[in-house]
Amino acid sequence: MPETDKDACELLDADHIAVKHLFVDYARQAVGSLADSAAERAALAQRICEELSVHAQIEEEIFYPALRKAVPDAGPLLDEARSEHAEIKDLVAQIQAMATADAAMDDLVARLAAEVEHHVKEERDELFPKAKAARKMDLVALGAQLRERQQALMAVQPA
């Protein structure tokens, strides 16, 4: 499916899958002991952090408010999702503050992966079904809005 044909839930879930692959790549490199692996892991950890930061921002700016407006009973789930984002952002900040990939970074990235996995499961199981069932949500238009904002944010991310 072309990127432009994805609705909001499909776009967000594609992000979830992409970051899952990055976590797997990081874990594979973490079992290696080459010096090159540390530099690659550090770069990969920064990429994971950037992807998650942009993803959380577009959810908080666009998707969550739209869902809250269309599905008032989703409020508690959205409050929990924002709380989970805060935990994820804290781990992201800790990882971004590290200069090199070492055992401490490996532990933080593993904790981040677990937090993200939990968060993604809740979105897939609880939030996305509510969004898909909401008659007041145009998920295709919302997907286009999310994609546009995501591209703008990625354009200003450090290389």
N, C-alpha and C. Protein backbone atom coordinates (compact mmCIF):
# COMPACT_ATOMS: atom_id res chain seq x y z
N MET A 1 0.86 -1.18 0.00
CA MET A 1 0.00 0.00 0.00
C MET A 1 0.90 1.24 0.00
N PRO A 2 0.67 2.15 -0.95
CA PRO A 2 1.47 3.38 -0.97
C PRO A 2 1.29 4.17 0.33
N GLU A 3 2.33 4.84 0.73
CA GLU A 3 2.32 5.62 1.98
C GLU A 3 1.16 6.61 2.02
N THR A 4 0.84 7.20 0.88
CA THR A 4 -0.22 8.22 0.85
C THR A 4 -1.62 7.63 0.99
N ASP A 5 -1.77 6.32 0.85
CA ASP A 5 -3.08 5.68 0.98
C ASP A 5 -3.37 5.20 2.40
N LYS A 6 -2.43 5.35 3.30
CA LYS A 6 -2.62 4.84 4.66
C LYS A 6 -3.48 5.79 5.47
N ASP A 7 -4.43 5.19 6.21
CA ASP A 7 -5.19 6.02 7.13
C ASP A 7 -4.37 6.24 8.40
N ALA A 8 -4.90 7.00 9.33
CA ALA A 8 -4.14 7.38 10.53
C ALA A 8 -3.64 6.16 11.30
N CYS A 9 -4.51 5.18 11.51
CA CYS A 9 -4.10 3.99 12.28
C CYS A 9 -3.03 3.20 11.55
N GLU A 10 -3.18 3.07 10.24
CA GLU A 10 -2.19 2.33 9.45
C GLU A 10 -0.84 3.05 9.45
N LEU A 11 -0.86 4.37 9.34
CA LEU A 11 0.38 5.14 9.36
C LEU A 11 1.08 5.00 10.71
N LEU A 12 0.32 5.15 11.79
CA LEU A 12 0.92 5.03 13.12
C LEU A 12 1.44 3.62 13.36
N ASP A 13 0.69 2.63 12.89
CA ASP A 13 1.14 1.25 13.08
C ASP A 13 2.37 0.95 12.22
N ALA A 14 2.47 1.55 11.05
CA ALA A 14 3.68 1.39 10.23
C ALA A 14 4.90 1.93 10.98
N ASP A 15 4.71 3.05 11.70
CA ASP A 15 5.78 3.59 12.54
C ASP A 15 6.15 2.59 13.63
N HIS A 16 5.14 1.98 14.25
CA HIS A 16 5.39 0.99 15.30
C HIS A 16 6.24 -0.15 14.77
N ILE A 17 5.90 -0.63 13.59
CA ILE A 17 6.63 -1.75 12.99
C ILE A 17 8.06 -1.33 12.65
N ALA A 18 8.22 -0.14 12.10
CA ALA A 18 9.55 0.35 11.73
C ALA A 18 10.46 0.46 12.95
N VAL A 19 9.93 1.00 14.05
CA VAL A 19 10.77 1.16 15.24
C VAL A 19 11.05 -0.20 15.88
N LYS A 20 10.13 -1.14 15.76
CA LYS A 20 10.37 -2.50 16.26
C LYS A 20 11.57 -3.11 15.53
N HIS A 21 11.65 -2.88 14.23
CA HIS A 21 12.80 -3.37 13.45
C HIS A 21 14.10 -2.72 13.92
N LEU A 22 14.04 -1.44 14.26
CA LEU A 22 15.24 -0.76 14.76
C LEU A 22 15.68 -1.35 16.11
N PHE A 23 14.71 -1.65 16.97
CA PHE A 23 15.05 -2.28 18.25
C PHE A 23 15.69 -3.66 18.02
N VAL A 24 15.18 -4.41 17.08
CA VAL A 24 15.75 -5.74 16.77
C VAL A 24 17.17 -5.57 16.25
N ASP A 25 17.39 -4.60 15.36
CA ASP A 25 18.74 -4.34 14.85
C ASP A 25 19.69 -3.97 15.99
N TYR A 26 19.21 -3.13 16.90
CA TYR A 26 20.03 -2.73 18.04
C TYR A 26 20.40 -3.95 18.89
N ALA A 27 19.43 -4.78 19.18
CA ALA A 27 19.68 -5.96 20.01
C ALA A 27 20.68 -6.90 19.35
N ARG A 28 20.58 -7.06 18.05
CA ARG A 28 21.54 -7.91 17.32
C ARG A 28 22.96 -7.36 17.45
N GLN A 29 23.09 -6.04 17.33
CA GLN A 29 24.41 -5.43 17.43
C GLN A 29 24.93 -5.46 18.85
N ALA A 30 24.03 -5.42 19.82
CA ALA A 30 24.45 -5.41 21.23
C ALA A 30 25.10 -6.73 21.64
N VAL A 31 24.78 -7.82 20.96
CA VAL A 31 25.41 -9.10 21.31
C VAL A 31 26.81 -9.21 20.72
N GLY A 32 27.13 -8.38 19.75
CA GLY A 32 28.47 -8.36 19.18
C GLY A 32 29.41 -7.59 20.09
N SER A 33 30.68 -7.81 19.95
CA SER A 33 31.63 -7.13 20.84
C SER A 33 32.66 -6.30 20.07
N LEU A 34 32.40 -6.01 18.82
CA LEU A 34 33.34 -5.22 18.03
C LEU A 34 33.21 -3.75 18.37
N ALA A 35 34.31 -3.03 18.27
CA ALA A 35 34.29 -1.59 18.54
C ALA A 35 33.37 -0.87 17.57
N ASP A 36 33.36 -1.32 16.31
CA ASP A 36 32.46 -0.72 15.32
C ASP A 36 31.01 -0.85 15.76
N SER A 37 30.72 -1.94 16.42
CA SER A 37 29.36 -2.20 16.87
C SER A 37 28.89 -1.13 17.86
N ALA A 38 29.78 -0.64 18.72
CA ALA A 38 29.41 0.39 19.69
C ALA A 38 29.02 1.68 18.98
N ALA A 39 29.77 2.08 17.98
CA ALA A 39 29.45 3.29 17.23
C ALA A 39 28.14 3.13 16.47
N GLU A 40 27.95 1.95 15.87
CA GLU A 40 26.72 1.68 15.14
C GLU A 40 25.52 1.65 16.09
N ARG A 41 25.71 1.06 17.27
CA ARG A 41 24.62 1.01 18.26
C ARG A 41 24.26 2.41 18.73
N ALA A 42 25.26 3.24 18.97
CA ALA A 42 24.99 4.61 19.42
C ALA A 42 24.19 5.36 18.36
N ALA A 43 24.56 5.22 17.11
CA ALA A 43 23.83 5.88 16.02
C ALA A 43 22.42 5.32 15.90
N LEU A 44 22.29 4.02 16.05
CA LEU A 44 20.98 3.39 15.97
C LEU A 44 20.09 3.82 17.14
N ALA A 45 20.67 3.93 18.32
CA ALA A 45 19.92 4.38 19.49
C ALA A 45 19.41 5.81 19.27
N GLN A 46 20.24 6.66 18.69
CA GLN A 46 19.82 8.03 18.41
C GLN A 46 18.68 8.05 17.39
N ARG A 47 18.78 7.18 16.38
CA ARG A 47 17.72 7.11 15.37
C ARG A 47 16.40 6.64 16.01
N ILE A 48 16.48 5.63 16.87
CA ILE A 48 15.29 5.15 17.58
C ILE A 48 14.67 6.31 18.36
N CYS A 49 15.50 7.05 19.06
CA CYS A 49 15.01 8.17 19.87
C CYS A 49 14.34 9.24 19.00
N GLU A 50 14.94 9.56 17.87
CA GLU A 50 14.36 10.55 16.96
C GLU A 50 13.01 10.08 16.42
N GLU A 51 12.97 8.82 15.97
CA GLU A 51 11.72 8.27 15.42
C GLU A 51 10.62 8.29 16.47
N LEU A 52 10.94 7.88 17.68
CA LEU A 52 9.94 7.84 18.76
C LEU A 52 9.49 9.24 19.15
N SER A 53 10.42 10.19 19.16
CA SER A 53 10.07 11.56 19.52
C SER A 53 9.09 12.17 18.53
N VAL A 54 9.36 11.98 17.26
CA VAL A 54 8.46 12.50 16.22
C VAL A 54 7.11 11.79 16.28
N HIS A 55 7.15 10.48 16.44
CA HIS A 55 5.91 9.70 16.50
C HIS A 55 5.03 10.16 17.67
N ALA A 56 5.64 10.30 18.84
CA ALA A 56 4.88 10.75 20.01
C ALA A 56 4.31 12.15 19.78
N GLN A 57 5.09 13.01 19.15
CA GLN A 57 4.63 14.38 18.93
C GLN A 57 3.42 14.42 18.01
N ILE A 58 3.43 13.65 16.92
CA ILE A 58 2.28 13.69 16.01
C ILE A 58 1.06 13.05 16.65
N GLU A 59 1.27 12.04 17.48
CA GLU A 59 0.13 11.46 18.19
C GLU A 59 -0.47 12.48 19.14
N GLU A 60 0.37 13.15 19.91
CA GLU A 60 -0.10 14.10 20.92
C GLU A 60 -0.70 15.36 20.30
N GLU A 61 -0.14 15.82 19.19
CA GLU A 61 -0.65 17.04 18.55
C GLU A 61 -1.91 16.80 17.73
N ILE A 62 -2.00 15.63 17.09
CA ILE A 62 -3.05 15.43 16.09
C ILE A 62 -3.98 14.26 16.43
N PHE A 63 -3.42 13.07 16.58
CA PHE A 63 -4.26 11.87 16.71
C PHE A 63 -5.03 11.83 18.03
N TYR A 64 -4.34 12.03 19.14
CA TYR A 64 -5.03 11.95 20.43
C TYR A 64 -6.14 13.00 20.58
N PRO A 65 -5.88 14.27 20.23
CA PRO A 65 -6.97 15.25 20.33
C PRO A 65 -8.16 14.91 19.43
N ALA A 66 -7.90 14.42 18.22
CA ALA A 66 -8.99 14.05 17.32
C ALA A 66 -9.81 12.89 17.90
N LEU A 67 -9.12 11.93 18.48
CA LEU A 67 -9.81 10.78 19.08
C LEU A 67 -10.58 11.22 20.32
N ARG A 68 -9.99 12.07 21.12
CA ARG A 68 -10.66 12.57 22.33
C ARG A 68 -11.96 13.30 21.95
N LYS A 69 -11.91 14.08 20.88
CA LYS A 69 -13.09 14.84 20.43
C LYS A 69 -14.17 13.90 19.87
N ALA A 70 -13.76 12.92 19.08
CA ALA A 70 -14.71 12.02 18.43
C ALA A 70 -15.26 10.94 19.35
N VAL A 71 -14.45 10.54 20.35
CA VAL A 71 -14.84 9.44 21.24
C VAL A 71 -14.58 9.89 22.69
N PRO A 72 -15.53 10.60 23.27
CA PRO A 72 -15.32 11.14 24.62
C PRO A 72 -14.96 10.08 25.67
N ASP A 73 -15.47 8.85 25.53
CA ASP A 73 -15.15 7.83 26.53
C ASP A 73 -13.72 7.28 26.38
N ALA A 74 -12.98 7.76 25.38
CA ALA A 74 -11.59 7.34 25.21
C ALA A 74 -10.65 8.13 26.12
N GLY A 75 -11.18 9.12 26.83
CA GLY A 75 -10.36 9.99 27.68
C GLY A 75 -9.41 9.27 28.60
N PRO A 76 -9.88 8.31 29.42
CA PRO A 76 -8.95 7.61 30.32
C PRO A 76 -7.84 6.86 29.58
N LEU A 77 -8.17 6.26 28.44
CA LEU A 77 -7.15 5.57 27.65
C LEU A 77 -6.12 6.55 27.09
N LEU A 78 -6.59 7.70 26.66
CA LEU A 78 -5.69 8.73 26.13
C LEU A 78 -4.83 9.33 27.24
N ASP A 79 -5.39 9.48 28.43
CA ASP A 79 -4.60 9.96 29.56
C ASP A 79 -3.49 8.96 29.88
N GLU A 80 -3.83 7.68 29.84
CA GLU A 80 -2.82 6.64 30.10
C GLU A 80 -1.76 6.66 29.00
N ALA A 81 -2.18 6.83 27.76
CA ALA A 81 -1.22 6.87 26.64
C ALA A 81 -0.25 8.03 26.81
N ARG A 82 -0.76 9.19 27.22
CA ARG A 82 0.12 10.35 27.45
C ARG A 82 1.09 10.08 28.59
N SER A 83 0.62 9.40 29.62
CA SER A 83 1.49 9.04 30.74
C SER A 83 2.60 8.10 30.28
N GLU A 84 2.25 7.15 29.43
CA GLU A 84 3.24 6.23 28.87
C GLU A 84 4.23 6.99 27.99
N HIS A 85 3.74 7.95 27.24
CA HIS A 85 4.64 8.79 26.43
C HIS A 85 5.65 9.50 27.33
N ALA A 86 5.20 9.98 28.48
CA ALA A 86 6.11 10.68 29.40
C ALA A 86 7.22 9.74 29.87
N GLU A 87 6.89 8.51 30.17
CA GLU A 87 7.90 7.53 30.58
C GLU A 87 8.87 7.25 29.43
N ILE A 88 8.33 7.12 28.23
CA ILE A 88 9.16 6.87 27.06
C ILE A 88 10.08 8.06 26.80
N LYS A 89 9.54 9.27 26.91
CA LYS A 89 10.35 10.48 26.70
C LYS A 89 11.48 10.57 27.71
N ASP A 90 11.23 10.15 28.94
CA ASP A 90 12.28 10.17 29.96
C ASP A 90 13.42 9.22 29.56
N LEU A 91 13.08 8.03 29.11
CA LEU A 91 14.11 7.08 28.67
C LEU A 91 14.84 7.61 27.44
N VAL A 92 14.10 8.20 26.52
CA VAL A 92 14.72 8.78 25.32
C VAL A 92 15.74 9.85 25.72
N ALA A 93 15.38 10.71 26.65
CA ALA A 93 16.29 11.77 27.10
C ALA A 93 17.55 11.19 27.73
N GLN A 94 17.38 10.14 28.51
CA GLN A 94 18.54 9.50 29.13
C GLN A 94 19.47 8.90 28.07
N ILE A 95 18.88 8.27 27.07
CA ILE A 95 19.69 7.66 26.00
C ILE A 95 20.38 8.75 25.18
N GLN A 96 19.67 9.81 24.85
CA GLN A 96 20.25 10.88 24.05
C GLN A 96 21.39 11.59 24.78
N ALA A 97 21.38 11.54 26.09
CA ALA A 97 22.43 12.20 26.88
C ALA A 97 23.71 11.36 26.94
N MET A 98 23.64 10.12 26.50
CA MET A 98 24.82 9.23 26.58
C MET A 98 25.71 9.44 25.36
N ALA A 99 27.01 9.44 25.61
CA ALA A 99 27.96 9.68 24.53
C ALA A 99 28.31 8.41 23.76
N THR A 100 28.35 7.30 24.44
CA THR A 100 28.76 6.05 23.79
C THR A 100 27.81 4.92 24.14
N ALA A 101 27.80 3.93 23.25
CA ALA A 101 27.00 2.74 23.49
C ALA A 101 27.80 1.79 24.37
N ASP A 102 27.25 1.50 25.52
CA ASP A 102 27.88 0.57 26.45
C ASP A 102 26.76 -0.24 27.10
N ALA A 103 27.10 -0.98 28.13
CA ALA A 103 26.11 -1.82 28.80
C ALA A 103 24.96 -0.99 29.37
N ALA A 104 25.27 0.21 29.86
CA ALA A 104 24.22 1.07 30.42
C ALA A 104 23.24 1.49 29.32
N MET A 105 23.75 1.86 28.14
CA MET A 105 22.87 2.22 27.04
C MET A 105 22.05 1.01 26.60
N ASP A 106 22.71 -0.14 26.54
CA ASP A 106 22.00 -1.36 26.15
C ASP A 106 20.82 -1.62 27.09
N ASP A 107 21.02 -1.43 28.38
CA ASP A 107 19.95 -1.62 29.35
C ASP A 107 18.82 -0.61 29.14
N LEU A 108 19.19 0.65 28.92
CA LEU A 108 18.16 1.68 28.69
C LEU A 108 17.38 1.41 27.41
N VAL A 109 18.06 1.01 26.35
CA VAL A 109 17.37 0.72 25.09
C VAL A 109 16.45 -0.49 25.27
N ALA A 110 16.88 -1.47 26.03
CA ALA A 110 16.02 -2.63 26.30
C ALA A 110 14.78 -2.22 27.09
N ARG A 111 14.96 -1.34 28.09
CA ARG A 111 13.81 -0.84 28.86
C ARG A 111 12.88 -0.03 27.95
N LEU A 112 13.47 0.79 27.08
CA LEU A 112 12.67 1.58 26.15
C LEU A 112 11.88 0.66 25.23
N ALA A 113 12.51 -0.37 24.71
CA ALA A 113 11.83 -1.32 23.82
C ALA A 113 10.63 -1.95 24.53
N ALA A 114 10.81 -2.32 25.79
CA ALA A 114 9.72 -2.94 26.55
C ALA A 114 8.57 -1.95 26.77
N GLU A 115 8.90 -0.70 27.10
CA GLU A 115 7.87 0.33 27.30
C GLU A 115 7.11 0.58 26.00
N VAL A 116 7.83 0.68 24.90
CA VAL A 116 7.21 0.94 23.61
C VAL A 116 6.32 -0.24 23.22
N GLU A 117 6.80 -1.45 23.43
CA GLU A 117 6.01 -2.63 23.09
C GLU A 117 4.68 -2.65 23.85
N HIS A 118 4.74 -2.33 25.12
CA HIS A 118 3.52 -2.27 25.95
C HIS A 118 2.57 -1.19 25.42
N HIS A 119 3.12 -0.02 25.13
CA HIS A 119 2.32 1.10 24.64
C HIS A 119 1.67 0.76 23.29
N VAL A 120 2.43 0.17 22.40
CA VAL A 120 1.92 -0.19 21.07
C VAL A 120 0.77 -1.19 21.20
N LYS A 121 0.93 -2.16 22.07
CA LYS A 121 -0.13 -3.17 22.26
C LYS A 121 -1.42 -2.50 22.70
N GLU A 122 -1.34 -1.56 23.61
CA GLU A 122 -2.54 -0.86 24.07
C GLU A 122 -3.16 -0.02 22.95
N GLU A 123 -2.32 0.63 22.15
CA GLU A 123 -2.88 1.41 21.04
C GLU A 123 -3.59 0.49 20.05
N ARG A 124 -2.93 -0.61 19.70
CA ARG A 124 -3.52 -1.54 18.73
C ARG A 124 -4.80 -2.18 19.26
N ASP A 125 -4.79 -2.56 20.52
CA ASP A 125 -5.92 -3.29 21.10
C ASP A 125 -7.06 -2.40 21.55
N GLU A 126 -6.77 -1.17 21.95
CA GLU A 126 -7.80 -0.33 22.56
C GLU A 126 -8.08 0.97 21.80
N LEU A 127 -7.04 1.72 21.46
CA LEU A 127 -7.27 3.03 20.83
C LEU A 127 -7.65 2.91 19.35
N PHE A 128 -6.91 2.12 18.60
CA PHE A 128 -7.19 2.02 17.17
C PHE A 128 -8.60 1.49 16.89
N PRO A 129 -9.05 0.46 17.60
CA PRO A 129 -10.44 0.03 17.36
C PRO A 129 -11.47 1.13 17.64
N LYS A 130 -11.24 1.93 18.68
CA LYS A 130 -12.15 3.06 18.96
C LYS A 130 -12.10 4.06 17.82
N ALA A 131 -10.92 4.35 17.31
CA ALA A 131 -10.80 5.30 16.21
C ALA A 131 -11.49 4.78 14.95
N LYS A 132 -11.31 3.50 14.67
CA LYS A 132 -11.92 2.91 13.47
C LYS A 132 -13.44 2.86 13.57
N ALA A 133 -13.96 2.75 14.78
CA ALA A 133 -15.41 2.68 14.97
C ALA A 133 -16.06 4.06 15.05
N ALA A 134 -15.25 5.09 15.24
CA ALA A 134 -15.79 6.44 15.41
C ALA A 134 -16.28 6.99 14.07
N ARG A 135 -17.55 7.30 14.02
CA ARG A 135 -18.14 7.83 12.78
C ARG A 135 -17.67 9.26 12.51
N LYS A 136 -17.26 9.96 13.56
CA LYS A 136 -16.87 11.36 13.42
C LYS A 136 -15.40 11.53 13.01
N MET A 137 -14.69 10.44 12.82
CA MET A 137 -13.27 10.55 12.48
C MET A 137 -13.05 10.16 11.02
N ASP A 138 -12.43 11.05 10.27
CA ASP A 138 -12.02 10.74 8.91
C ASP A 138 -10.56 10.30 9.00
N LEU A 139 -10.36 9.00 9.11
CA LEU A 139 -9.02 8.48 9.33
C LEU A 139 -8.09 8.69 8.14
N VAL A 140 -8.64 8.77 6.94
CA VAL A 140 -7.80 9.03 5.76
C VAL A 140 -7.28 10.46 5.80
N ALA A 141 -8.16 11.41 6.05
CA ALA A 141 -7.73 12.82 6.15
C ALA A 141 -6.78 13.01 7.33
N LEU A 142 -7.08 12.34 8.43
CA LEU A 142 -6.21 12.42 9.61
C LEU A 142 -4.84 11.82 9.30
N GLY A 143 -4.83 10.73 8.53
CA GLY A 143 -3.56 10.12 8.12
C GLY A 143 -2.73 11.08 7.29
N ALA A 144 -3.37 11.80 6.39
CA ALA A 144 -2.66 12.79 5.56
C ALA A 144 -2.09 13.90 6.44
N GLN A 145 -2.85 14.33 7.43
CA GLN A 145 -2.39 15.38 8.35
C GLN A 145 -1.21 14.88 9.18
N LEU A 146 -1.30 13.65 9.67
CA LEU A 146 -0.20 13.06 10.44
C LEU A 146 1.06 12.96 9.59
N ARG A 147 0.90 12.47 8.37
CA ARG A 147 2.04 12.28 7.47
C ARG A 147 2.72 13.61 7.16
N GLU A 148 1.92 14.65 6.90
CA GLU A 148 2.47 15.97 6.60
C GLU A 148 3.27 16.51 7.80
N ARG A 149 2.71 16.40 8.98
CA ARG A 149 3.40 16.89 10.19
C ARG A 149 4.65 16.07 10.46
N GLN A 150 4.55 14.77 10.27
CA GLN A 150 5.71 13.89 10.49
C GLN A 150 6.85 14.26 9.55
N GLN A 151 6.53 14.49 8.29
CA GLN A 151 7.56 14.87 7.33
C GLN A 151 8.20 16.20 7.69
N ALA A 152 7.40 17.14 8.16
CA ALA A 152 7.95 18.43 8.56
C ALA A 152 8.88 18.28 9.77
N LEU A 153 8.48 17.47 10.73
CA LEU A 153 9.33 17.26 11.91
C LEU A 153 10.61 16.50 11.56
N MET A 154 10.51 15.52 10.70
CA MET A 154 11.69 14.74 10.31
C MET A 154 12.68 15.61 9.54
N ALA A 155 12.18 16.59 8.83
CA ALA A 155 13.05 17.48 8.05
C ALA A 155 13.92 18.35 8.95
N VAL A 156 13.51 18.57 10.19
CA VAL A 156 14.30 19.40 11.10
C VAL A 156 15.11 18.57 12.10
N GLN A 157 15.02 17.23 12.01
CA GLN A 157 15.79 16.38 12.90
C GLN A 157 17.27 16.46 12.50
N PRO A 158 18.17 16.39 13.49
CA PRO A 158 19.60 16.40 13.16
C PRO A 158 19.98 15.16 12.38
N ALA A 159 20.89 15.32 11.45
CA ALA A 159 21.31 14.18 10.60
C ALA A 159 22.24 13.27 11.35
